[in-house]
PDB file of N, CA and C in Angstrom:
ATOM      1  N   UNK A   1       7.181 -24.208  -4.596  1.00  0.00           N
ATOM      2  CA  UNK A   1       6.063 -23.752  -3.469  1.00  0.00           C
ATOM      3  C   UNK A   1       5.439 -22.266  -2.591  1.00  0.00           C
ATOM      4  N   UNK A   2       4.184 -22.096  -3.503  1.00  0.00           N
ATOM      5  CA  UNK A   2       3.519 -20.744  -3.094  1.00  0.00           C
ATOM      6  C   UNK A   2       3.903 -20.025  -1.482  1.00  0.00           C
ATOM      7  N   UNK A   3       4.202 -18.252  -1.546  1.00  0.00           N
ATOM      8  CA  UNK A   3       4.868 -18.347  -0.220  1.00  0.00           C
ATOM      9  C   UNK A   3       3.422 -17.670   0.760  1.00  0.00           C
ATOM     10  N   UNK A   4       3.958 -18.349   1.946  1.00  0.00           N
ATOM     11  CA  UNK A   4       2.837 -17.797   3.080  1.00  0.00           C
ATOM     12  C   UNK A   4       2.562 -16.396   3.317  1.00  0.00           C
ATOM     13  N   UNK A   5       1.715 -15.544   3.214  1.00  0.00           N
ATOM     14  CA  UNK A   5       1.854 -14.006   3.534  1.00  0.00           C
ATOM     15  C   UNK A   5       1.943 -13.968   4.856  1.00  0.00           C
ATOM     16  N   UNK A   6       1.954 -15.216   5.788  1.00  0.00           N
ATOM     17  CA  UNK A   6       1.978 -14.852   7.389  1.00  0.00           C
ATOM     18  C   UNK A   6       3.318 -14.690   7.853  1.00  0.00           C
ATOM     19  N   UNK A   7       4.223 -15.160   7.333  1.00  0.00           N
ATOM     20  CA  UNK A   7       5.496 -15.071   7.183  1.00  0.00           C
ATOM     21  C   UNK A   7       6.530 -14.436   6.929  1.00  0.00           C
ATOM     22  N   UNK A   8       6.085 -12.927   6.529  1.00  0.00           N
ATOM     23  CA  UNK A   8       6.276 -11.798   5.685  1.00  0.00           C
ATOM     24  C   UNK A   8       6.795 -11.046   6.712  1.00  0.00           C
ATOM     25  N   UNK A   9       7.198 -10.011   7.296  1.00  0.00           N
ATOM     26  CA  UNK A   9       7.553  -8.957   8.165  1.00  0.00           C
ATOM     27  C   UNK A   9       6.186  -8.090   7.979  1.00  0.00           C
ATOM     28  N   UNK A  10       6.131  -7.672   9.420  1.00  0.00           N
ATOM     29  CA  UNK A  10       5.186  -6.701   9.150  1.00  0.00           C
ATOM     30  C   UNK A  10       5.638  -5.590   8.013  1.00  0.00           C
ATOM     31  N   UNK A  11       4.457  -4.841   7.679  1.00  0.00           N
ATOM     32  CA  UNK A  11       5.091  -3.847   6.938  1.00  0.00           C
ATOM     33  C   UNK A  11       5.029  -2.693   6.850  1.00  0.00           C
ATOM     34  N   UNK A  12       5.708  -1.504   6.602  1.00  0.00           N
ATOM     35  CA  UNK A  12       5.710  -0.380   7.047  1.00  0.00           C
ATOM     36  C   UNK A  12       4.813   0.466   7.043  1.00  0.00           C
ATOM     37  N   UNK A  13       5.040   1.151   7.963  1.00  0.00           N
ATOM     38  CA  UNK A  13       3.174   2.722   7.498  1.00  0.00           C
ATOM     39  C   UNK A  13       2.833   2.591   5.925  1.00  0.00           C
ATOM     40  N   UNK A  14       4.448   3.307   5.117  1.00  0.00           N
ATOM     41  CA  UNK A  14       4.471   3.554   3.907  1.00  0.00           C
ATOM     42  C   UNK A  14       4.122   2.630   2.912  1.00  0.00           C
ATOM     43  N   UNK A  15       4.744   0.855   3.648  1.00  0.00           N
ATOM     44  CA  UNK A  15       4.283   0.120   2.119  1.00  0.00           C
ATOM     45  C   UNK A  15       2.799   0.057   2.408  1.00  0.00           C
ATOM     46  N   UNK A  16       2.712  -0.421   3.417  1.00  0.00           N
ATOM     47  CA  UNK A  16       0.688  -0.622   3.568  1.00  0.00           C
ATOM     48  C   UNK A  16      -0.058   0.224   2.866  1.00  0.00           C
ATOM     49  N   UNK A  17      -0.083   1.799   3.090  1.00  0.00           N
ATOM     50  CA  UNK A  17      -0.216   2.635   2.499  1.00  0.00           C
ATOM     51  C   UNK A  17      -0.256   2.391   0.746  1.00  0.00           C
ATOM     52  N   UNK A  18       0.987   2.310   0.361  1.00  0.00           N
ATOM     53  CA  UNK A  18       1.272   1.994  -0.471  1.00  0.00           C
ATOM     54  C   UNK A  18       0.294   0.622  -1.625  1.00  0.00           C
ATOM     55  N   UNK A  19       0.549  -0.780  -0.780  1.00  0.00           N
ATOM     56  CA  UNK A  19      -0.483  -1.371  -1.067  1.00  0.00           C
ATOM     57  C   UNK A  19      -2.309  -1.111  -0.856  1.00  0.00           C
ATOM     58  N   UNK A  20      -2.245  -0.320  -0.528  1.00  0.00           N
ATOM     59  CA  UNK A  20      -3.843  -0.058  -0.044  1.00  0.00           C
ATOM     60  C   UNK A  20      -4.419   0.736  -1.086  1.00  0.00           C
ATOM     61  N   UNK A  21      -3.524   1.960  -1.618  1.00  0.00           N
ATOM     62  CA  UNK A  21      -3.787   2.648  -3.210  1.00  0.00           C
ATOM     63  C   UNK A  21      -3.861   1.875  -3.945  1.00  0.00           C
ATOM     64  N   UNK A  22      -2.942   0.309  -4.332  1.00  0.00           N
ATOM     65  CA  UNK A  22      -3.476  -0.651  -5.302  1.00  0.00           C
ATOM     66  C   UNK A  22      -3.745  -1.115  -5.572  1.00  0.00           C
ATOM     67  N   UNK A  23      -4.918  -1.361  -3.919  1.00  0.00           N
ATOM     68  CA  UNK A  23      -5.997  -1.872  -3.867  1.00  0.00           C
ATOM     69  C   UNK A  23      -7.108  -1.695  -4.613  1.00  0.00           C
ATOM     70  N   UNK A  24      -7.143  -0.252  -5.000  1.00  0.00           N
ATOM     71  CA  UNK A  24      -8.124   0.549  -5.818  1.00  0.00           C
ATOM     72  C   UNK A  24      -7.601  -0.065  -7.316  1.00  0.00           C
ATOM     73  N   UNK A  25      -6.629  -0.155  -7.773  1.00  0.00           N
ATOM     74  CA  UNK A  25      -6.149  -0.096  -8.959  1.00  0.00           C
ATOM     75  C   UNK A  25      -4.997   0.361  -9.166  1.00  0.00           C
ATOM     76  N   UNK A  26      -4.146  -0.265 -10.684  1.00  0.00           N
ATOM     77  CA  UNK A  26      -3.100   0.549 -11.100  1.00  0.00           C
ATOM     78  C   UNK A  26      -2.526   1.915 -10.716  1.00  0.00           C
ATOM     79  N   UNK A  27      -1.932   2.058 -10.785  1.00  0.00           N
ATOM     80  CA  UNK A  27      -1.053   3.399 -10.728  1.00  0.00           C
ATOM     81  C   UNK A  27       0.407   3.725 -10.617  1.00  0.00           C
ATOM     82  N   UNK A  28       0.123   4.851 -10.929  1.00  0.00           N
ATOM     83  CA  UNK A  28       1.763   5.365 -11.174  1.00  0.00           C
ATOM     84  C   UNK A  28       2.307   6.243  -9.900  1.00  0.00           C
ATOM     85  N   UNK A  29       3.460   6.134  -9.349  1.00  0.00           N
ATOM     86  CA  UNK A  29       4.217   6.810  -8.252  1.00  0.00           C
ATOM     87  C   UNK A  29       3.241   8.114  -7.993  1.00  0.00           C
ATOM     88  N   UNK A  30       3.536   9.120  -8.633  1.00  0.00           N
ATOM     89  CA  UNK A  30       2.706  10.189  -8.160  1.00  0.00           C
ATOM     90  C   UNK A  30       1.390  10.253  -8.221  1.00  0.00           C
ATOM     91  N   UNK A  31       0.623   9.503  -8.867  1.00  0.00           N
ATOM     92  CA  UNK A  31      -0.986   9.029  -8.145  1.00  0.00           C
ATOM     93  C   UNK A  31      -0.942   8.408  -6.860  1.00  0.00           C
ATOM     94  N   UNK A  32      -0.108   7.120  -6.493  1.00  0.00           N
ATOM     95  CA  UNK A  32       0.084   7.304  -5.474  1.00  0.00           C
ATOM     96  C   UNK A  32       0.324   7.732  -4.433  1.00  0.00           C
ATOM     97  N   UNK A  33       1.389   8.921  -4.603  1.00  0.00           N
ATOM     98  CA  UNK A  33       1.325   9.797  -3.541  1.00  0.00           C
ATOM     99  C   UNK A  33       0.594  10.886  -3.340  1.00  0.00           C
ATOM    100  N   UNK A  34      -0.212  10.998  -4.491  1.00  0.00           N
ATOM    101  CA  UNK A  34      -1.796  11.917  -4.147  1.00  0.00           C
ATOM    102  C   UNK A  34      -3.069  11.213  -3.336  1.00  0.00           C
ATOM    103  N   UNK A  35      -2.792   9.708  -3.991  1.00  0.00           N
ATOM    104  CA  UNK A  35      -4.009   8.710  -3.189  1.00  0.00           C
ATOM    105  C   UNK A  35      -4.025   9.155  -1.419  1.00  0.00           C
ATOM    106  N   UNK A  36      -2.606   8.419  -1.500  1.00  0.00           N
ATOM    107  CA  UNK A  36      -2.045   8.524   0.335  1.00  0.00           C
ATOM    108  C   UNK A  36      -2.131   9.920   1.071  1.00  0.00           C
ATOM    109  N   UNK A  37      -1.722  10.538   0.453  1.00  0.00           N
ATOM    110  CA  UNK A  37      -2.402  12.036   1.204  1.00  0.00           C
ATOM    111  C   UNK A  37      -4.167  11.987   1.133  1.00  0.00           C
ATOM    112  N   UNK A  38      -4.792  11.781   0.283  1.00  0.00           N
ATOM    113  CA  UNK A  38      -5.999  12.035   0.312  1.00  0.00           C
ATOM    114  C   UNK A  38      -6.802  11.240   1.543  1.00  0.00           C
ATOM    115  N   UNK A  39      -6.166   9.736   1.140  1.00  0.00           N
ATOM    116  CA  UNK A  39      -7.028   8.501   2.310  1.00  0.00           C
ATOM    117  C   UNK A  39      -6.886   9.299   4.025  1.00  0.00           C
ATOM    118  N   UNK A  40      -5.658  10.426   3.948  1.00  0.00           N
ATOM    119  CA  UNK A  40      -5.141  10.149   5.299  1.00  0.00           C
ATOM    120  C   UNK A  40      -5.824  11.674   5.296  1.00  0.00           C
ATOM    121  N   UNK A  41      -6.186  12.378   4.729  1.00  0.00           N
ATOM    122  CA  UNK A  41      -6.292  13.281   5.210  1.00  0.00           C
ATOM    123  C   UNK A  41      -5.027  14.729   5.554  1.00  0.00           C
ATOM    124  N   UNK A  42      -4.250  13.788   4.615  1.00  0.00           N
ATOM    125  CA  UNK A  42      -2.923  14.402   4.521  1.00  0.00           C
ATOM    126  C   UNK A  42      -2.056  14.392   5.749  1.00  0.00           C
ATOM    127  N   UNK A  43      -2.637  13.634   6.805  1.00  0.00           N
ATOM    128  CA  UNK A  43      -1.721  13.183   7.355  1.00  0.00           C
ATOM    129  C   UNK A  43      -0.526  12.472   7.483  1.00  0.00           C
ATOM    130  N   UNK A  44      -0.341  11.820   5.893  1.00  0.00           N
ATOM    131  CA  UNK A  44       1.061  10.643   5.722  1.00  0.00           C
ATOM    132  C   UNK A  44       0.915  11.467   4.741  1.00  0.00           C
ATOM    133  N   UNK A  45       2.059  12.121   4.737  1.00  0.00           N
ATOM    134  CA  UNK A  45       2.824  12.540   2.882  1.00  0.00           C
ATOM    135  C   UNK A  45       4.199  11.726   2.650  1.00  0.00           C
ATOM    136  N   UNK A  46       3.931  11.122   1.438  1.00  0.00           N
ATOM    137  CA  UNK A  46       5.102  10.569   0.977  1.00  0.00           C
ATOM    138  C   UNK A  46       5.876  11.273   0.208  1.00  0.00           C
ATOM    139  N   UNK A  47       7.150  11.657   1.024  1.00  0.00           N
ATOM    140  CA  UNK A  47       8.420  11.778  -0.240  1.00  0.00           C
ATOM    141  C   UNK A  47       8.607  11.169  -1.151  1.00  0.00           C
ATOM    142  N   UNK A  48       9.364  11.641  -2.306  1.00  0.00           N
ATOM    143  CA  UNK A  48       9.949  10.781  -3.474  1.00  0.00           C
ATOM    144  C   UNK A  48      10.556   9.650  -2.972  1.00  0.00           C
ATOM    145  N   UNK A  49      11.560   9.821  -1.942  1.00  0.00           N
ATOM    146  CA  UNK A  49      12.678   9.168  -1.354  1.00  0.00           C
ATOM    147  C   UNK A  49      11.889   8.087  -0.923  1.00  0.00           C
ATOM    148  N   UNK A  50      11.057   8.094  -0.154  1.00  0.00           N
ATOM    149  CA  UNK A  50      10.167   7.297   0.886  1.00  0.00           C
ATOM    150  C   UNK A  50       9.618   6.305   0.113  1.00  0.00           C
ATOM    151  N   UNK A  51       8.977   7.159  -1.018  1.00  0.00           N
ATOM    152  CA  UNK A  51       7.751   6.698  -1.806  1.00  0.00           C
ATOM    153  C   UNK A  51       8.926   5.535  -3.002  1.00  0.00           C
ATOM    154  N   UNK A  52       9.291   5.777  -3.149  1.00  0.00           N
ATOM    155  CA  UNK A  52      10.129   5.004  -4.502  1.00  0.00           C
ATOM    156  C   UNK A  52      10.951   4.011  -3.795  1.00  0.00           C
ATOM    157  N   UNK A  53      11.260   4.317  -2.266  1.00  0.00           N
ATOM    158  CA  UNK A  53      12.309   2.899  -1.584  1.00  0.00           C
ATOM    159  C   UNK A  53      11.331   2.057  -1.557  1.00  0.00           C
ATOM    160  N   UNK A  54      10.117   2.634  -0.573  1.00  0.00           N
ATOM    161  CA  UNK A  54       9.277   1.155  -0.208  1.00  0.00           C
ATOM    162  C   UNK A  54       8.420   0.778  -1.436  1.00  0.00           C
ATOM    163  N   UNK A  55       8.207   1.457  -2.615  1.00  0.00           N
ATOM    164  CA  UNK A  55       8.382   0.466  -4.350  1.00  0.00           C
ATOM    165  C   UNK A  55       9.474  -0.408  -4.371  1.00  0.00           C
ATOM    166  N   UNK A  56      10.437   0.374  -4.136  1.00  0.00           N
ATOM    167  CA  UNK A  56      12.096  -0.992  -4.181  1.00  0.00           C
ATOM    168  C   UNK A  56      11.807  -1.850  -3.487  1.00  0.00           C
ATOM    169  N   UNK A  57      11.283  -1.480  -2.055  1.00  0.00           N
ATOM    170  CA  UNK A  57      11.319  -3.171  -1.510  1.00  0.00           C
ATOM    171  C   UNK A  57       9.817  -3.905  -1.704  1.00  0.00           C
ATOM    172  N   UNK A  58       8.655  -3.622  -2.271  1.00  0.00           N
ATOM    173  CA  UNK A  58       7.746  -4.006  -2.387  1.00  0.00           C
ATOM    174  C   UNK A  58       7.980  -4.815  -3.663  1.00  0.00           C
ATOM    175  N   UNK A  59       8.447  -3.956  -5.064  1.00  0.00           N
ATOM    176  CA  UNK A  59       8.783  -5.163  -6.052  1.00  0.00           C
ATOM    177  C   UNK A  59       9.760  -5.843  -5.492  1.00  0.00           C
ATOM    178  N   UNK A  60      10.631  -5.861  -4.987  1.00  0.00           N
ATOM    179  CA  UNK A  60      11.363  -6.858  -4.691  1.00  0.00           C
ATOM    180  C   UNK A  60      10.979  -8.263  -3.996  1.00  0.00           C
ATOM    181  N   UNK A  61      10.250  -7.721  -2.922  1.00  0.00           N
ATOM    182  CA  UNK A  61       9.240  -9.006  -2.266  1.00  0.00           C
ATOM    183  C   UNK A  61       8.291  -9.423  -3.094  1.00  0.00           C
ATOM    184  N   UNK A  62       8.009  -9.126  -4.443  1.00  0.00           N
ATOM    185  CA  UNK A  62       6.978  -9.502  -5.313  1.00  0.00           C
ATOM    186  C   UNK A  62       5.051  -9.133  -4.826  1.00  0.00           C
ATOM    187  N   UNK A  63       5.216  -8.056  -4.048  1.00  0.00           N
ATOM    188  CA  UNK A  63       4.181  -7.750  -3.284  1.00  0.00           C
ATOM    189  C   UNK A  63       3.693  -7.033  -4.569  1.00  0.00           C
ATOM    190  N   UNK A  64       3.827  -6.099  -5.266  1.00  0.00           N
ATOM    191  CA  UNK A  64       3.559  -5.528  -6.008  1.00  0.00           C
ATOM    192  C   UNK A  64       4.966  -5.586  -7.736  1.00  0.00           C
ATOM    193  N   UNK A  65       3.886  -5.437  -9.092  1.00  0.00           N
ATOM    194  CA  UNK A  65       4.734  -5.493 -10.309  1.00  0.00           C
ATOM    195  C   UNK A  65       4.624  -4.285 -10.672  1.00  0.00           C
ATOM    196  N   UNK A  66       5.623  -4.352 -11.713  1.00  0.00           N
ATOM    197  CA  UNK A  66       5.643  -2.781 -12.483  1.00  0.00           C
ATOM    198  C   UNK A  66       4.269  -3.271 -13.735  1.00  0.00           C
ATOM    199  N   UNK A  67       3.977  -2.752 -14.754  1.00  0.00           N
ATOM    200  CA  UNK A  67       2.910  -2.955 -15.550  1.00  0.00           C
ATOM    201  C   UNK A  67       3.429  -2.221 -16.986  1.00  0.00           C
ATOM    202  N   UNK A  68       2.558  -2.587 -18.197  1.00  0.00           N
ATOM    203  CA  UNK A  68       3.495  -2.530 -19.843  1.00  0.00           C
ATOM    204  C   UNK A  68       3.489  -0.416 -18.830  1.00  0.00           C
ATOM    205  N   UNK A  69       4.542   0.380 -19.371  1.00  0.00           N
ATOM    206  CA  UNK A  69       3.905   1.565 -19.398  1.00  0.00           C
ATOM    207  C   UNK A  69       3.191   2.151 -20.564  1.00  0.00           C
ATOM    208  N   UNK A  70       2.559   3.635 -20.242  1.00  0.00           N
ATOM    209  CA  UNK A  70       2.023   3.535 -20.818  1.00  0.00           C
ATOM    210  C   UNK A  70       1.512   5.539 -20.635  1.00  0.00           C
ATOM    211  N   UNK A  71       0.672   6.005 -21.737  1.00  0.00           N
ATOM    212  CA  UNK A  71       1.193   7.681 -21.177  1.00  0.00           C
ATOM    213  C   UNK A  71      -0.312   7.847 -20.319  1.00  0.00           C
ATOM    214  N   UNK A  72      -0.241   8.685 -19.597  1.00  0.00           N
ATOM    215  CA  UNK A  72      -1.206   9.060 -18.695  1.00  0.00           C
ATOM    216  C   UNK A  72      -1.755  10.280 -18.758  1.00  0.00           C
ATOM    217  N   UNK A  73      -2.761  10.461 -19.716  1.00  0.00           N
ATOM    218  CA  UNK A  73      -3.080  11.740 -20.793  1.00  0.00           C
ATOM    219  C   UNK A  73      -3.478  12.697 -19.699  1.00  0.00           C
ATOM    220  N   UNK A  74      -3.666  12.217 -18.391  1.00  0.00           N
ATOM    221  CA  UNK A  74      -3.874  13.403 -17.350  1.00  0.00           C
ATOM    222  C   UNK A  74      -2.564  14.145 -17.163  1.00  0.00           C
ATOM    223  N   UNK A  75      -1.348  13.152 -17.619  1.00  0.00           N
ATOM    224  CA  UNK A  75       0.264  14.068 -16.848  1.00  0.00           C
ATOM    225  C   UNK A  75       1.081  14.378 -18.397  1.00  0.00           C
ATOM    226  N   UNK A  76       0.272  13.334 -19.266  1.00  0.00           N
ATOM    227  CA  UNK A  76       0.957  13.715 -20.957  1.00  0.00           C
ATOM    228  C   UNK A  76       2.590  13.220 -20.353  1.00  0.00           C
ATOM    229  N   UNK A  77       2.951  11.834 -19.814  1.00  0.00           N
ATOM    230  CA  UNK A  77       4.205  11.859 -19.735  1.00  0.00           C
ATOM    231  C   UNK A  77       4.369  10.125 -19.848  1.00  0.00           C
ATOM    232  N   UNK A  78       5.218   9.820 -21.002  1.00  0.00           N
ATOM    233  CA  UNK A  78       5.449   8.571 -21.576  1.00  0.00           C
ATOM    234  C   UNK A  78       6.758   7.848 -20.208  1.00  0.00           C
ATOM    235  N   UNK A  79       7.229   8.708 -19.098  1.00  0.00           N
ATOM    236  CA  UNK A  79       7.535   7.920 -18.023  1.00  0.00           C
ATOM    237  C   UNK A  79       7.349   7.199 -17.208  1.00  0.00           C
ATOM    238  N   UNK A  80       6.255   7.427 -16.817  1.00  0.00           N
ATOM    239  CA  UNK A  80       5.768   7.454 -16.133  1.00  0.00           C
ATOM    240  C   UNK A  80       5.571   5.682 -15.945  1.00  0.00           C
ATOM    241  N   UNK A  81       5.929   5.325 -14.842  1.00  0.00           N
ATOM    242  CA  UNK A  81       5.658   3.414 -14.046  1.00  0.00           C
ATOM    243  C   UNK A  81       4.579   3.716 -13.580  1.00  0.00           C
ATOM    244  N   UNK A  82       3.860   2.548 -13.893  1.00  0.00           N
ATOM    245  CA  UNK A  82       2.726   1.842 -13.533  1.00  0.00           C
ATOM    246  C   UNK A  82       2.834   1.035 -12.348  1.00  0.00           C
ATOM    247  N   UNK A  83       2.342   0.577 -11.549  1.00  0.00           N
ATOM    248  CA  UNK A  83       2.019  -0.655 -10.762  1.00  0.00           C
ATOM    249  C   UNK A  83       0.828  -1.067 -10.236  1.00  0.00           C
ATOM    250  N   UNK A  84       0.894  -2.782 -10.047  1.00  0.00           N
ATOM    251  CA  UNK A  84      -0.412  -2.962  -9.589  1.00  0.00           C
ATOM    252  C   UNK A  84      -0.113  -3.481  -8.384  1.00  0.00           C
ATOM    253  N   UNK A  85      -1.011  -4.258  -7.689  1.00  0.00           N
ATOM    254  CA  UNK A  85      -1.032  -5.406  -6.239  1.00  0.00           C
ATOM    255  C   UNK A  85      -0.661  -6.831  -7.177  1.00  0.00           C
ATOM    256  N   UNK A  86       0.143  -7.235  -6.607  1.00  0.00           N
ATOM    257  CA  UNK A  86       0.327  -9.454  -7.534  1.00  0.00           C
ATOM    258  C   UNK A  86      -1.216  -9.777  -6.089  1.00  0.00           C
ATOM    259  N   UNK A  87      -0.777 -10.976  -6.474  1.00  0.00           N
ATOM    260  CA  UNK A  87      -1.889 -11.835  -5.903  1.00  0.00           C
ATOM    261  C   UNK A  87      -1.372 -11.675  -4.496  1.00  0.00           C
ATOM    262  N   UNK A  88       0.475 -12.240  -4.458  1.00  0.00           N
ATOM    263  CA  UNK A  88       0.890 -11.992  -3.638  1.00  0.00           C
ATOM    264  C   UNK A  88       1.038 -11.323  -2.367  1.00  0.00           C
ATOM    265  N   UNK A  89       0.740  -9.793  -3.257  1.00  0.00           N
ATOM    266  CA  UNK A  89       0.757  -8.744  -2.470  1.00  0.00           C
ATOM    267  C   UNK A  89      -0.944  -8.444  -1.655  1.00  0.00           C
ATOM    268  N   UNK A  90      -1.810  -8.939  -2.229  1.00  0.00           N
ATOM    269  CA  UNK A  90      -2.723  -9.086  -1.580  1.00  0.00           C
ATOM    270  C   UNK A  90      -3.121  -9.449  -0.331  1.00  0.00           C
ATOM    271  N   UNK A  91      -2.942 -11.332  -0.458  1.00  0.00           N
ATOM    272  CA  UNK A  91      -2.420 -11.850   0.462  1.00  0.00           C
ATOM    273  C   UNK A  91      -2.016 -10.933   1.586  1.00  0.00           C
ATOM    274  N   UNK A  92      -0.634 -10.794   1.344  1.00  0.00           N
ATOM    275  CA  UNK A  92      -0.590 -10.229   2.719  1.00  0.00           C
ATOM    276  C   UNK A  92      -0.746  -8.894   2.993  1.00  0.00           C
ATOM    277  N   UNK A  93      -1.443  -8.490   2.590  1.00  0.00           N
ATOM    278  CA  UNK A  93      -2.148  -6.721   3.529  1.00  0.00           C
ATOM    279  C   UNK A  93      -3.681  -7.804   3.589  1.00  0.00           C
ATOM    280  N   UNK A  94      -3.827  -8.144   3.289  1.00  0.00           N
ATOM    281  CA  UNK A  94      -5.253  -9.106   3.916  1.00  0.00           C
ATOM    282  C   UNK A  94      -4.958  -9.505   5.523  1.00  0.00           C
ATOM    283  N   UNK A  95      -3.717  -9.839   5.462  1.00  0.00           N
ATOM    284  CA  UNK A  95      -2.814 -10.552   6.848  1.00  0.00           C
ATOM    285  C   UNK A  95      -2.704  -9.517   7.520  1.00  0.00           C
ATOM    286  N   UNK A  96      -2.000  -8.649   6.899  1.00  0.00           N
ATOM    287  CA  UNK A  96      -2.146  -7.204   7.255  1.00  0.00           C
ATOM    288  C   UNK A  96      -2.736  -6.532   8.067  1.00  0.00           C
ATOM    289  N   UNK A  97      -3.978  -6.312   7.105  1.00  0.00           N
ATOM    290  CA  UNK A  97      -5.188  -6.269   7.450  1.00  0.00           C
ATOM    291  C   UNK A  97      -5.889  -6.607   9.027  1.00  0.00           C
ATOM    292  N   UNK A  98      -6.195  -7.564   8.837  1.00  0.00           N
ATOM    293  CA  UNK A  98      -6.529  -8.673   9.827  1.00  0.00           C
ATOM    294  C   UNK A  98      -5.681  -8.123  11.282  1.00  0.00           C
ATOM    295  N   UNK A  99      -4.349  -8.021  11.335  1.00  0.00           N
ATOM    296  CA  UNK A  99      -4.189  -7.801  12.233  1.00  0.00           C
ATOM    297  C   UNK A  99      -4.164  -6.666  12.744  1.00  0.00           C
ATOM    298  N   UNK A 100      -4.092  -5.640  12.411  1.00  0.00           N
ATOM    299  CA  UNK A 100      -4.942  -4.203  12.554  1.00  0.00           C
ATOM    300  C   UNK A 100      -5.854  -4.083  13.174  1.00  0.00           C
ATOM    301  N   UNK A 101      -6.866  -4.868  12.608  1.00  0.00           N
ATOM    302  CA  UNK A 101      -8.317  -4.773  12.882  1.00  0.00           C
ATOM    303  C   UNK A 101      -8.192  -5.502  14.677  1.00  0.00           C
ATOM    304  N   UNK A 102      -7.660  -6.692  14.775  1.00  0.00           N
ATOM    305  CA  UNK A 102      -7.134  -6.997  15.996  1.00  0.00           C
ATOM    306  C   UNK A 102      -6.476  -5.981  17.282  1.00  0.00           C
ATOM    307  N   UNK A 103      -5.554  -5.831  16.613  1.00  0.00           N
ATOM    308  CA  UNK A 103      -5.096  -4.743  17.546  1.00  0.00           C
ATOM    309  C   UNK A 103      -6.345  -3.048  18.266  1.00  0.00           C
ATOM    310  N   UNK A 104      -7.078  -2.955  17.080  1.00  0.00           N
ATOM    311  CA  UNK A 104      -8.412  -2.085  16.867  1.00  0.00           C
ATOM    312  C   UNK A 104      -9.189  -2.154  18.000  1.00  0.00           C
ATOM    313  N   UNK A 105      -9.773  -4.152  17.422  1.00  0.00           N
ATOM    314  CA  UNK A 105     -10.246  -4.147  18.992  1.00  0.00           C
ATOM    315  C   UNK A 105     -10.415  -4.556  20.385  1.00  0.00           C
ATOM    316  N   UNK A 106      -8.717  -4.632  20.704  1.00  0.00           N
ATOM    317  CA  UNK A 106      -7.992  -4.808  21.573  1.00  0.00           C
ATOM    318  C   UNK A 106      -8.062  -2.915  22.000  1.00  0.00           C
ATOM    319  N   UNK A 107      -7.571  -2.398  21.772  1.00  0.00           N
ATOM    320  CA  UNK A 107      -7.818  -0.778  21.849  1.00  0.00           C
ATOM    321  C   UNK A 107      -9.232  -0.558  22.180  1.00  0.00           C
ATOM    322  N   UNK A 108     -10.334  -1.206  21.511  1.00  0.00           N
ATOM    323  CA  UNK A 108     -11.780  -0.619  22.083  1.00  0.00           C
ATOM    324  C   UNK A 108     -11.894  -1.378  23.540  1.00  0.00           C
ATOM    325  N   UNK A 109     -11.592  -2.817  23.360  1.00  0.00           N
ATOM    326  CA  UNK A 109     -11.967  -3.242  24.649  1.00  0.00           C
ATOM    327  C   UNK A 109     -11.171  -2.922  26.027  1.00  0.00           C
ATOM    328  N   UNK A 110     -10.245  -1.775  25.963  1.00  0.00           N
ATOM    329  CA  UNK A 110      -9.021  -1.855  26.881  1.00  0.00           C
ATOM    330  C   UNK A 110     -10.211  -0.152  26.948  1.00  0.00           C
ATOM    331  N   UNK A 111     -10.431   0.402  26.227  1.00  0.00           N
ATOM    332  CA  UNK A 111     -10.917   2.138  26.300  1.00  0.00           C
ATOM    333  C   UNK A 111      -9.967   2.956  25.989  1.00  0.00           C
ATOM    334  N   UNK A 112      -9.031   2.659  24.946  1.00  0.00           N
ATOM    335  CA  UNK A 112      -8.741   3.330  24.236  1.00  0.00           C
ATOM    336  C   UNK A 112      -8.962   3.788  23.040  1.00  0.00           C
ATOM    337  N   UNK A 113      -9.915   3.301  22.363  1.00  0.00           N
ATOM    338  CA  UNK A 113     -10.647   3.805  21.486  1.00  0.00           C
ATOM    339  C   UNK A 113     -12.198   3.858  21.640  1.00  0.00           C
ATOM    340  N   UNK A 114     -12.490   4.520  21.311  1.00  0.00           N
ATOM    341  CA  UNK A 114     -14.159   4.552  21.368  1.00  0.00           C
ATOM    342  C   UNK A 114     -14.805   3.433  20.625  1.00  0.00           C
ATOM    343  N   UNK A 115     -15.987   3.119  21.291  1.00  0.00           N
ATOM    344  CA  UNK A 115     -16.506   1.783  20.542  1.00  0.00           C
ATOM    345  C   UNK A 115     -17.181   1.998  19.111  1.00  0.00           C
ATOM    346  N   UNK A 116     -16.911   0.936  18.381  1.00  0.00           N
ATOM    347  CA  UNK A 116     -17.397   1.022  16.376  1.00  0.00           C
ATOM    348  C   UNK A 116     -19.071   1.320  17.121  1.00  0.00           C
ATOM    349  N   UNK A 117     -19.808   2.274  16.278  1.00  0.00           N
ATOM    350  CA  UNK A 117     -21.032   2.588  16.427  1.00  0.00           C
ATOM    351  C   UNK A 117     -21.722   1.613  15.474  1.00  0.00           C
TER     352      UNK A 117
END
């Protein structure tokens, strides 16, 4: 039986940002940290404990999978572990993003946020 993404609890901010980073392709932990920092303009900084704790949870939930180890030419380190978004993870991310879009829509309707241009 296929898992329904709507049945999973909401993601934490760290988990959400990790899934968003992996939606752009495979990455190792340090690259995920850099991507999240860049995408949030430095507003969210994932420390190693938060990052790897969230990765562990996402792996256990089967939202991400570890890919074959390889050397990152930029870092020249064969110990790096690479992760990618699973099909289930992509579906969960879509459900989560739709929910967030609805929240933003309500914020605009109630004049908490400026209207979209």
